[in-house]
Amino acid sequence: MDALEENVTEIVSRITKVPASVIDPDQDLRVAYNVDSLQGLQIVAAIEKAFDVRVDDDQIDFYTTVRTIADTVRRLRR
């Protein structure tokens, strides 16, 4: 896991109250950690703030794993 994925994991951990040490970057957040739609929006808002990016609202359902979120942040920062 690289530094960006670790930062995303910390954000997910803070919002979901799941310890960062158990979050797998490839696990579906909704299935593995019971992330609901409100938490999903909170995660996206925190990602936008932390990394100064803008995530398209119509794409939120595609950001299901830490790795996918990190890849999206990388793409948006280019």
PDB file of N, CA and C in Angstrom:
ATOM      1  N   MET A   1       0.868  -1.174   0.000  1.00  0.00           N
ATOM      2  CA  MET A   1       0.000   0.000   0.000  1.00  0.00           C
ATOM      3  C   MET A   1       0.913   1.236   0.000  1.00  0.00           C
ATOM      4  N   ASP A   2       0.627   2.172  -0.902  1.00  0.00           N
ATOM      5  CA  ASP A   2       1.442   3.383  -0.965  1.00  0.00           C
ATOM      6  C   ASP A   2       0.878   4.468  -0.039  1.00  0.00           C
ATOM      7  N   ALA A   3       1.559   5.601   0.012  1.00  0.00           N
ATOM      8  CA  ALA A   3       1.187   6.671   0.949  1.00  0.00           C
ATOM      9  C   ALA A   3      -0.217   7.208   0.685  1.00  0.00           C
ATOM     10  N   LEU A   4      -0.585   7.357  -0.573  1.00  0.00           N
ATOM     11  CA  LEU A   4      -1.917   7.869  -0.899  1.00  0.00           C
ATOM     12  C   LEU A   4      -2.991   6.894  -0.418  1.00  0.00           C
ATOM     13  N   GLU A   5      -2.783   5.618  -0.654  1.00  0.00           N
ATOM     14  CA  GLU A   5      -3.747   4.616  -0.185  1.00  0.00           C
ATOM     15  C   GLU A   5      -3.817   4.606   1.340  1.00  0.00           C
ATOM     16  N   GLU A   6      -2.687   4.812   1.996  1.00  0.00           N
ATOM     17  CA  GLU A   6      -2.695   4.876   3.453  1.00  0.00           C
ATOM     18  C   GLU A   6      -3.498   6.081   3.943  1.00  0.00           C
ATOM     19  N   ASN A   7      -3.366   7.223   3.263  1.00  0.00           N
ATOM     20  CA  ASN A   7      -4.146   8.415   3.634  1.00  0.00           C
ATOM     21  C   ASN A   7      -5.636   8.173   3.422  1.00  0.00           C
ATOM     22  N   VAL A   8      -5.990   7.551   2.316  1.00  0.00           N
ATOM     23  CA  VAL A   8      -7.398   7.236   2.050  1.00  0.00           C
ATOM     24  C   VAL A   8      -7.911   6.259   3.109  1.00  0.00           C
ATOM     25  N   THR A   9      -7.102   5.278   3.452  1.00  0.00           N
ATOM     26  CA  THR A   9      -7.488   4.304   4.478  1.00  0.00           C
ATOM     27  C   THR A   9      -7.754   4.999   5.809  1.00  0.00           C
ATOM     28  N   GLU A  10      -6.922   5.959   6.169  1.00  0.00           N
ATOM     29  CA  GLU A  10      -7.117   6.698   7.421  1.00  0.00           C
ATOM     30  C   GLU A  10      -8.443   7.469   7.401  1.00  0.00           C
ATOM     31  N   ILE A  11      -8.769   8.064   6.263  1.00  0.00           N
ATOM     32  CA  ILE A  11     -10.040   8.788   6.134  1.00  0.00           C
ATOM     33  C   ILE A  11     -11.211   7.818   6.284  1.00  0.00           C
ATOM     34  N   VAL A  12     -11.140   6.704   5.583  1.00  0.00           N
ATOM     35  CA  VAL A  12     -12.203   5.696   5.670  1.00  0.00           C
ATOM     36  C   VAL A  12     -12.324   5.189   7.099  1.00  0.00           C
ATOM     37  N   SER A  13     -11.213   4.950   7.739  1.00  0.00           N
ATOM     38  CA  SER A  13     -11.213   4.470   9.118  1.00  0.00           C
ATOM     39  C   SER A  13     -11.886   5.464  10.054  1.00  0.00           C
ATOM     40  N   ARG A  14     -11.536   6.722   9.906  1.00  0.00           N
ATOM     41  CA  ARG A  14     -12.105   7.761  10.771  1.00  0.00           C
ATOM     42  C   ARG A  14     -13.622   7.840  10.622  1.00  0.00           C
ATOM     43  N   ILE A  15     -14.105   7.718   9.408  1.00  0.00           N
ATOM     44  CA  ILE A  15     -15.548   7.852   9.159  1.00  0.00           C
ATOM     45  C   ILE A  15     -16.317   6.587   9.540  1.00  0.00           C
ATOM     46  N   THR A  16     -15.733   5.441   9.268  1.00  0.00           N
ATOM     47  CA  THR A  16     -16.448   4.183   9.517  1.00  0.00           C
ATOM     48  C   THR A  16     -16.221   3.623  10.912  1.00  0.00           C
ATOM     49  N   LYS A  17     -15.189   4.135  11.605  1.00  0.00           N
ATOM     50  CA  LYS A  17     -14.802   3.614  12.927  1.00  0.00           C
ATOM     51  C   LYS A  17     -14.233   2.197  12.834  1.00  0.00           C
ATOM     52  N   VAL A  18     -13.817   1.790  11.635  1.00  0.00           N
ATOM     53  CA  VAL A  18     -13.147   0.508  11.439  1.00  0.00           C
ATOM     54  C   VAL A  18     -11.647   0.780  11.550  1.00  0.00           C
ATOM     55  N   PRO A  19     -10.917   0.020  12.347  1.00  0.00           N
ATOM     56  CA  PRO A  19      -9.482   0.263  12.470  1.00  0.00           C
ATOM     57  C   PRO A  19      -8.775   0.201  11.109  1.00  0.00           C
ATOM     58  N   ALA A  20      -7.910   1.161  10.870  1.00  0.00           N
ATOM     59  CA  ALA A  20      -7.193   1.216   9.590  1.00  0.00           C
ATOM     60  C   ALA A  20      -6.415  -0.067   9.331  1.00  0.00           C
ATOM     61  N   SER A  21      -5.934  -0.683  10.382  1.00  0.00           N
ATOM     62  CA  SER A  21      -5.120  -1.895  10.241  1.00  0.00           C
ATOM     63  C   SER A  21      -5.882  -3.076   9.644  1.00  0.00           C
ATOM     64  N   VAL A  22      -7.201  -3.047   9.695  1.00  0.00           N
ATOM     65  CA  VAL A  22      -7.971  -4.173   9.148  1.00  0.00           C
ATOM     66  C   VAL A  22      -8.609  -3.856   7.797  1.00  0.00           C
ATOM     67  N   ILE A  23      -8.493  -2.618   7.343  1.00  0.00           N
ATOM     68  CA  ILE A  23      -9.090  -2.244   6.062  1.00  0.00           C
ATOM     69  C   ILE A  23      -8.208  -2.725   4.920  1.00  0.00           C
ATOM     70  N   ASP A  24      -8.767  -3.568   4.097  1.00  0.00           N
ATOM     71  CA  ASP A  24      -8.083  -4.099   2.914  1.00  0.00           C
ATOM     72  C   ASP A  24      -8.356  -3.147   1.748  1.00  0.00           C
ATOM     73  N   PRO A  25      -7.324  -2.672   1.054  1.00  0.00           N
ATOM     74  CA  PRO A  25      -7.536  -1.695  -0.014  1.00  0.00           C
ATOM     75  C   PRO A  25      -8.349  -2.220  -1.195  1.00  0.00           C
ATOM     76  N   ASP A  26      -8.508  -3.532  -1.284  1.00  0.00           N
ATOM     77  CA  ASP A  26      -9.259  -4.107  -2.398  1.00  0.00           C
ATOM     78  C   ASP A  26     -10.644  -4.609  -2.015  1.00  0.00           C
ATOM     79  N   GLN A  27     -11.009  -4.486  -0.751  1.00  0.00           N
ATOM     80  CA  GLN A  27     -12.336  -4.920  -0.302  1.00  0.00           C
ATOM     81  C   GLN A  27     -13.382  -3.860  -0.634  1.00  0.00           C
ATOM     82  N   ASP A  28     -14.541  -4.293  -1.040  1.00  0.00           N
ATOM     83  CA  ASP A  28     -15.665  -3.391  -1.276  1.00  0.00           C
ATOM     84  C   ASP A  28     -16.085  -2.811   0.069  1.00  0.00           C
ATOM     85  N   LEU A  29     -16.011  -1.508   0.203  1.00  0.00           N
ATOM     86  CA  LEU A  29     -16.299  -0.847   1.476  1.00  0.00           C
ATOM     87  C   LEU A  29     -17.726  -1.100   1.946  1.00  0.00           C
ATOM     88  N   ARG A  30     -18.659  -1.171   0.999  1.00  0.00           N
ATOM     89  CA  ARG A  30     -20.063  -1.382   1.365  1.00  0.00           C
ATOM     90  C   ARG A  30     -20.287  -2.775   1.913  1.00  0.00           C
ATOM     91  N   VAL A  31     -19.654  -3.746   1.305  1.00  0.00           N
ATOM     92  CA  VAL A  31     -19.860  -5.140   1.700  1.00  0.00           C
ATOM     93  C   VAL A  31     -19.030  -5.496   2.934  1.00  0.00           C
ATOM     94  N   ALA A  32     -17.747  -5.187   2.897  1.00  0.00           N
ATOM     95  CA  ALA A  32     -16.839  -5.620   3.961  1.00  0.00           C
ATOM     96  C   ALA A  32     -16.985  -4.814   5.249  1.00  0.00           C
ATOM     97  N   TYR A  33     -17.305  -3.510   5.108  1.00  0.00           N
ATOM     98  CA  TYR A  33     -17.304  -2.645   6.281  1.00  0.00           C
ATOM     99  C   TYR A  33     -18.632  -1.923   6.498  1.00  0.00           C
ATOM    100  N   ASN A  34     -19.665  -2.379   5.806  1.00  0.00           N
ATOM    101  CA  ASN A  34     -21.026  -1.846   5.962  1.00  0.00           C
ATOM    102  C   ASN A  34     -21.118  -0.332   5.760  1.00  0.00           C
ATOM    103  N   VAL A  35     -20.371   0.190   4.803  1.00  0.00           N
ATOM    104  CA  VAL A  35     -20.436   1.623   4.505  1.00  0.00           C
ATOM    105  C   VAL A  35     -21.770   1.902   3.813  1.00  0.00           C
ATOM    106  N   ASP A  36     -22.552   2.796   4.408  1.00  0.00           N
ATOM    107  CA  ASP A  36     -23.842   3.155   3.815  1.00  0.00           C
ATOM    108  C   ASP A  36     -23.673   4.392   2.939  1.00  0.00           C
ATOM    109  N   SER A  37     -24.758   4.838   2.334  1.00  0.00           N
ATOM    110  CA  SER A  37     -24.677   5.959   1.394  1.00  0.00           C
ATOM    111  C   SER A  37     -24.235   7.252   2.072  1.00  0.00           C
ATOM    112  N   LEU A  38     -24.676   7.489   3.301  1.00  0.00           N
ATOM    113  CA  LEU A  38     -24.255   8.691   4.014  1.00  0.00           C
ATOM    114  C   LEU A  38     -22.751   8.659   4.296  1.00  0.00           C
ATOM    115  N   GLN A  39     -22.254   7.536   4.766  1.00  0.00           N
ATOM    116  CA  GLN A  39     -20.820   7.419   5.000  1.00  0.00           C
ATOM    117  C   GLN A  39     -20.042   7.552   3.687  1.00  0.00           C
ATOM    118  N   GLY A  40     -20.603   7.016   2.619  1.00  0.00           N
ATOM    119  CA  GLY A  40     -19.960   7.152   1.308  1.00  0.00           C
ATOM    120  C   GLY A  40     -19.805   8.613   0.919  1.00  0.00           C
ATOM    121  N   LEU A  41     -20.847   9.392   1.131  1.00  0.00           N
ATOM    122  CA  LEU A  41     -20.777  10.826   0.842  1.00  0.00           C
ATOM    123  C   LEU A  41     -19.783  11.532   1.757  1.00  0.00           C
ATOM    124  N   GLN A  42     -19.738  11.115   3.019  1.00  0.00           N
ATOM    125  CA  GLN A  42     -18.778  11.703   3.955  1.00  0.00           C
ATOM    126  C   GLN A  42     -17.345  11.379   3.541  1.00  0.00           C
ATOM    127  N   ILE A  43     -17.120  10.172   3.085  1.00  0.00           N
ATOM    128  CA  ILE A  43     -15.795   9.779   2.614  1.00  0.00           C
ATOM    129  C   ILE A  43     -15.398  10.620   1.408  1.00  0.00           C
ATOM    130  N   VAL A  44     -16.300  10.758   0.446  1.00  0.00           N
ATOM    131  CA  VAL A  44     -16.003  11.552  -0.746  1.00  0.00           C
ATOM    132  C   VAL A  44     -15.717  13.004  -0.364  1.00  0.00           C
ATOM    133  N   ALA A  45     -16.524  13.573   0.518  1.00  0.00           N
ATOM    134  CA  ALA A  45     -16.303  14.965   0.943  1.00  0.00           C
ATOM    135  C   ALA A  45     -14.940  15.114   1.620  1.00  0.00           C
ATOM    136  N   ALA A  46     -14.581  14.154   2.456  1.00  0.00           N
ATOM    137  CA  ALA A  46     -13.287  14.203   3.134  1.00  0.00           C
ATOM    138  C   ALA A  46     -12.135  14.048   2.137  1.00  0.00           C
ATOM    139  N   ILE A  47     -12.313  13.199   1.147  1.00  0.00           N
ATOM    140  CA  ILE A  47     -11.299  13.009   0.099  1.00  0.00           C
ATOM    141  C   ILE A  47     -11.118  14.302  -0.685  1.00  0.00           C
ATOM    142  N   GLU A  48     -12.229  14.918  -1.061  1.00  0.00           N
ATOM    143  CA  GLU A  48     -12.155  16.175  -1.810  1.00  0.00           C
ATOM    144  C   GLU A  48     -11.397  17.239  -1.021  1.00  0.00           C
ATOM    145  N   LYS A  49     -11.689  17.323   0.257  1.00  0.00           N
ATOM    146  CA  LYS A  49     -11.034  18.331   1.101  1.00  0.00           C
ATOM    147  C   LYS A  49      -9.555  18.010   1.305  1.00  0.00           C
ATOM    148  N   ALA A  50      -9.257  16.768   1.615  1.00  0.00           N
ATOM    149  CA  ALA A  50      -7.885  16.372   1.927  1.00  0.00           C
ATOM    150  C   ALA A  50      -6.948  16.482   0.732  1.00  0.00           C
ATOM    151  N   PHE A  51      -7.467  16.193  -0.455  1.00  0.00           N
ATOM    152  CA  PHE A  51      -6.603  16.145  -1.637  1.00  0.00           C
ATOM    153  C   PHE A  51      -6.882  17.257  -2.642  1.00  0.00           C
ATOM    154  N   ASP A  52      -7.786  18.177  -2.283  1.00  0.00           N
ATOM    155  CA  ASP A  52      -8.119  19.308  -3.140  1.00  0.00           C
ATOM    156  C   ASP A  52      -8.495  18.863  -4.559  1.00  0.00           C
ATOM    157  N   VAL A  53      -9.438  17.923  -4.617  1.00  0.00           N
ATOM    158  CA  VAL A  53      -9.962  17.424  -5.887  1.00  0.00           C
ATOM    159  C   VAL A  53     -11.479  17.530  -5.862  1.00  0.00           C
ATOM    160  N   ARG A  54     -12.089  17.401  -7.013  1.00  0.00           N
ATOM    161  CA  ARG A  54     -13.554  17.422  -7.130  1.00  0.00           C
ATOM    162  C   ARG A  54     -13.990  16.116  -7.762  1.00  0.00           C
ATOM    163  N   VAL A  55     -14.783  15.347  -7.029  1.00  0.00           N
ATOM    164  CA  VAL A  55     -15.284  14.056  -7.495  1.00  0.00           C
ATOM    165  C   VAL A  55     -16.678  14.263  -8.075  1.00  0.00           C
ATOM    166  N   ASP A  56     -16.900  13.756  -9.285  1.00  0.00           N
ATOM    167  CA  ASP A  56     -18.216  13.866  -9.912  1.00  0.00           C
ATOM    168  C   ASP A  56     -19.242  13.067  -9.121  1.00  0.00           C
ATOM    169  N   ASP A  57     -20.337  13.722  -8.758  1.00  0.00           N
ATOM    170  CA  ASP A  57     -21.378  13.068  -7.961  1.00  0.00           C
ATOM    171  C   ASP A  57     -21.945  11.824  -8.639  1.00  0.00           C
ATOM    172  N   ASP A  58     -22.041  11.852  -9.952  1.00  0.00           N
ATOM    173  CA  ASP A  58     -22.615  10.704 -10.654  1.00  0.00           C
ATOM    174  C   ASP A  58     -21.660   9.508 -10.712  1.00  0.00           C
ATOM    175  N   GLN A  59     -20.446   9.682 -10.247  1.00  0.00           N
ATOM    176  CA  GLN A  59     -19.461   8.602 -10.237  1.00  0.00           C
ATOM    177  C   GLN A  59     -19.247   7.988  -8.851  1.00  0.00           C
ATOM    178  N   ILE A  60     -19.890   8.527  -7.840  1.00  0.00           N
ATOM    179  CA  ILE A  60     -19.643   8.102  -6.457  1.00  0.00           C
ATOM    180  C   ILE A  60     -19.839   6.605  -6.268  1.00  0.00           C
ATOM    181  N   ASP A  61     -20.830   6.028  -6.913  1.00  0.00           N
ATOM    182  CA  ASP A  61     -21.097   4.594  -6.742  1.00  0.00           C
ATOM    183  C   ASP A  61     -19.963   3.711  -7.244  1.00  0.00           C
ATOM    184  N   PHE A  62     -19.052   4.263  -8.049  1.00  0.00           N
ATOM    185  CA  PHE A  62     -17.940   3.479  -8.574  1.00  0.00           C
ATOM    186  C   PHE A  62     -16.740   3.444  -7.625  1.00  0.00           C
ATOM    187  N   TYR A  63     -16.737   4.294  -6.612  1.00  0.00           N
ATOM    188  CA  TYR A  63     -15.617   4.366  -5.674  1.00  0.00           C
ATOM    189  C   TYR A  63     -15.876   3.441  -4.504  1.00  0.00           C
ATOM    190  N   THR A  64     -15.681   2.150  -4.756  1.00  0.00           N
ATOM    191  CA  THR A  64     -16.083   1.145  -3.777  1.00  0.00           C
ATOM    192  C   THR A  64     -14.939   0.597  -2.943  1.00  0.00           C
ATOM    193  N   THR A  65     -13.700   0.849  -3.344  1.00  0.00           N
ATOM    194  CA  THR A  65     -12.553   0.345  -2.592  1.00  0.00           C
ATOM    195  C   THR A  65     -11.565   1.477  -2.334  1.00  0.00           C
ATOM    196  N   VAL A  66     -10.714   1.282  -1.361  1.00  0.00           N
ATOM    197  CA  VAL A  66      -9.667   2.264  -1.078  1.00  0.00           C
ATOM    198  C   VAL A  66      -8.786   2.447  -2.309  1.00  0.00           C
ATOM    199  N   ARG A  67      -8.447   1.356  -2.961  1.00  0.00           N
ATOM    200  CA  ARG A  67      -7.568   1.434  -4.137  1.00  0.00           C
ATOM    201  C   ARG A  67      -8.229   2.223  -5.279  1.00  0.00           C
ATOM    202  N   THR A  68      -9.515   1.994  -5.497  1.00  0.00           N
ATOM    203  CA  THR A  68     -10.237   2.738  -6.541  1.00  0.00           C
ATOM    204  C   THR A  68     -10.274   4.227  -6.204  1.00  0.00           C
ATOM    205  N   ILE A  69     -10.511   4.550  -4.954  1.00  0.00           N
ATOM    206  CA  ILE A  69     -10.541   5.952  -4.539  1.00  0.00           C
ATOM    207  C   ILE A  69      -9.162   6.578  -4.744  1.00  0.00           C
ATOM    208  N   ALA A  70      -8.109   5.882  -4.329  1.00  0.00           N
ATOM    209  CA  ALA A  70      -6.753   6.400  -4.484  1.00  0.00           C
ATOM    210  C   ALA A  70      -6.408   6.592  -5.959  1.00  0.00           C
ATOM    211  N   ASP A  71      -6.770   5.634  -6.806  1.00  0.00           N
ATOM    212  CA  ASP A  71      -6.521   5.756  -8.246  1.00  0.00           C
ATOM    213  C   ASP A  71      -7.250   6.965  -8.827  1.00  0.00           C
ATOM    214  N   THR A  72      -8.466   7.203  -8.360  1.00  0.00           N
ATOM    215  CA  THR A  72      -9.243   8.348  -8.816  1.00  0.00           C
ATOM    216  C   THR A  72      -8.568   9.653  -8.405  1.00  0.00           C
ATOM    217  N   VAL A  73      -8.096   9.722  -7.178  1.00  0.00           N
ATOM    218  CA  VAL A  73      -7.393  10.917  -6.704  1.00  0.00           C
ATOM    219  C   VAL A  73      -6.154  11.155  -7.564  1.00  0.00           C
ATOM    220  N   ARG A  74      -5.395  10.098  -7.851  1.00  0.00           N
ATOM    221  CA  ARG A  74      -4.213  10.247  -8.710  1.00  0.00           C
ATOM    222  C   ARG A  74      -4.596  10.824 -10.075  1.00  0.00           C
ATOM    223  N   ARG A  75      -5.659  10.298 -10.651  1.00  0.00           N
ATOM    224  CA  ARG A  75      -6.100  10.750 -11.971  1.00  0.00           C
ATOM    225  C   ARG A  75      -6.550  12.214 -11.922  1.00  0.00           C
ATOM    226  N   LEU A  76      -7.279  12.586 -10.881  1.00  0.00           N
ATOM    227  CA  LEU A  76      -7.796  13.945 -10.770  1.00  0.00           C
ATOM    228  C   LEU A  76      -6.694  14.961 -10.486  1.00  0.00           C
ATOM    229  N   ARG A  77      -5.599  14.526  -9.902  1.00  0.00           N
ATOM    230  CA  ARG A  77      -4.504  15.442  -9.566  1.00  0.00           C
ATOM    231  C   ARG A  77      -3.585  15.702 -10.749  1.00  0.00           C
ATOM    232  N   ARG A  78      -3.732  14.970 -11.825  1.00  0.00           N
ATOM    233  CA  ARG A  78      -2.865  15.162 -13.001  1.00  0.00           C
ATOM    234  C   ARG A  78      -3.204  16.427 -13.727  1.00  0.00           C
TER     235      ARG A  78
END
